[in-house]
């Protein structure tokens, strides 16, 4: 990995954990820690574009409250949603 690529990952990870709300930090931060290093450059571009969206929209997109606009309707968003859903169901108490 080049120094430039490592710096980009570090910057994206930081931006994932330091959003405007703790809820969004907890949605994006763990995903970034687990998956950013393995994403190809094109998906990192999609992630970067997602981080540029307004925070309420990011939250609504990740939690599935709204349908994504075409520019953000990517495989990366689907992966992020699946990661979030998997974590949410794993944290539910047994019935």
Protein backbone atom coordinates (compact mmCIF):
# COMPACT_ATOMS: atom_id res chain seq x y z
CA UNK A 1 0.00 0.00 0.00
CA UNK A 2 1.35 3.38 -0.96
CA UNK A 3 1.73 6.18 1.54
CA UNK A 4 -0.98 8.12 -0.28
CA UNK A 5 -3.43 5.19 -0.03
CA UNK A 6 -2.64 4.73 3.67
CA UNK A 7 -3.23 8.42 4.30
CA UNK A 8 -6.56 8.27 2.45
CA UNK A 9 -7.72 5.32 4.58
CA UNK A 10 -6.64 7.09 7.75
CA UNK A 11 -8.54 10.22 6.73
CA UNK A 12 -11.69 8.26 5.84
CA UNK A 13 -11.55 6.30 9.09
CA UNK A 14 -11.22 9.54 11.05
CA UNK A 15 -14.16 11.11 9.19
CA UNK A 16 -16.21 7.98 9.91
CA UNK A 17 -15.66 8.19 13.65
CA UNK A 18 -15.92 11.98 13.99
CA UNK A 19 -19.29 12.95 12.56
CA UNK A 20 -21.74 15.42 14.03
CA UNK A 21 -23.67 12.83 16.02
CA UNK A 22 -22.61 9.88 18.11
CA UNK A 23 -25.25 7.72 16.42
CA UNK A 24 -23.64 8.27 13.03
CA UNK A 25 -20.17 7.71 14.50
CA UNK A 26 -21.37 4.32 15.73
CA UNK A 27 -22.84 3.41 12.35
CA UNK A 28 -19.89 4.45 10.20
CA UNK A 29 -16.90 3.95 12.50
CA UNK A 30 -17.08 0.17 12.97
CA UNK A 31 -17.77 -0.31 9.25
CA UNK A 32 -14.73 1.80 8.40
CA UNK A 33 -12.53 -0.12 10.84
CA UNK A 34 -13.60 -3.48 9.46
CA UNK A 35 -13.94 -2.84 5.71
CA UNK A 36 -12.17 0.25 4.37
CA UNK A 37 -8.78 -1.43 3.97
CA UNK A 38 -10.26 -4.12 1.73
CA UNK A 39 -12.34 -1.85 -0.51
CA UNK A 40 -11.18 -1.14 -4.06
CA UNK A 41 -10.54 2.48 -5.03
CA UNK A 42 -13.91 2.80 -6.79
CA UNK A 43 -15.79 1.84 -3.63
CA UNK A 44 -13.63 4.18 -1.55
CA UNK A 45 -14.73 6.91 -3.95
CA UNK A 46 -18.37 5.95 -3.26
CA UNK A 47 -17.73 6.01 0.48
CA UNK A 48 -16.10 9.42 0.23
CA UNK A 49 -19.12 10.69 -1.74
CA UNK A 50 -21.45 9.32 0.94
CA UNK A 51 -19.49 11.16 3.63
CA UNK A 52 -20.08 14.42 1.74
CA UNK A 53 -23.87 14.05 2.10
CA UNK A 54 -25.69 15.85 4.93
CA UNK A 55 -25.58 13.89 8.16
CA UNK A 56 -29.35 13.39 8.53
CA UNK A 57 -29.42 11.93 5.01
CA UNK A 58 -26.51 9.57 5.74
CA UNK A 59 -28.28 8.33 8.87
CA UNK A 60 -31.56 7.83 7.00
CA UNK A 61 -29.80 6.03 4.14
CA UNK A 62 -27.83 3.66 6.34
CA UNK A 63 -30.80 2.80 8.51
CA UNK A 64 -33.04 2.30 5.47
CA UNK A 65 -35.46 5.09 6.35
CA UNK A 66 -35.26 6.60 2.86
CA UNK A 67 -34.50 5.34 -0.62
CA UNK A 68 -31.10 6.49 -1.82
CA UNK A 69 -30.79 9.08 -4.57
CA UNK A 70 -29.27 7.62 -7.75
CA UNK A 71 -25.83 9.12 -7.06
CA UNK A 72 -25.63 7.30 -3.72
CA UNK A 73 -27.44 4.09 -4.69
CA UNK A 74 -24.27 1.99 -4.86
CA UNK A 75 -23.05 -1.46 -3.91
CA UNK A 76 -21.09 0.26 -1.15
CA UNK A 77 -24.28 1.63 0.42
CA UNK A 78 -25.86 -1.84 0.22
CA UNK A 79 -22.78 -3.28 1.93
CA UNK A 80 -22.93 -0.61 4.64
CA UNK A 81 -26.64 -1.29 5.22
CA UNK A 82 -26.02 -5.04 5.42
CA UNK A 83 -23.22 -4.47 7.91
CA UNK A 84 -25.49 -2.28 10.02
CA UNK A 85 -28.38 -4.76 9.89
CA UNK A 86 -26.08 -7.64 10.84
CA UNK A 87 -24.73 -5.73 13.83
CA UNK A 88 -28.19 -4.65 14.93
CA UNK A 89 -29.64 -8.15 14.88
CA UNK A 90 -26.56 -9.56 16.63
CA UNK A 91 -27.10 -7.09 19.49
CA UNK A 92 -30.78 -7.96 20.00
CA UNK A 93 -31.64 -9.96 23.13
CA UNK A 94 -33.02 -13.46 22.52
CA UNK A 95 -36.79 -13.82 22.58
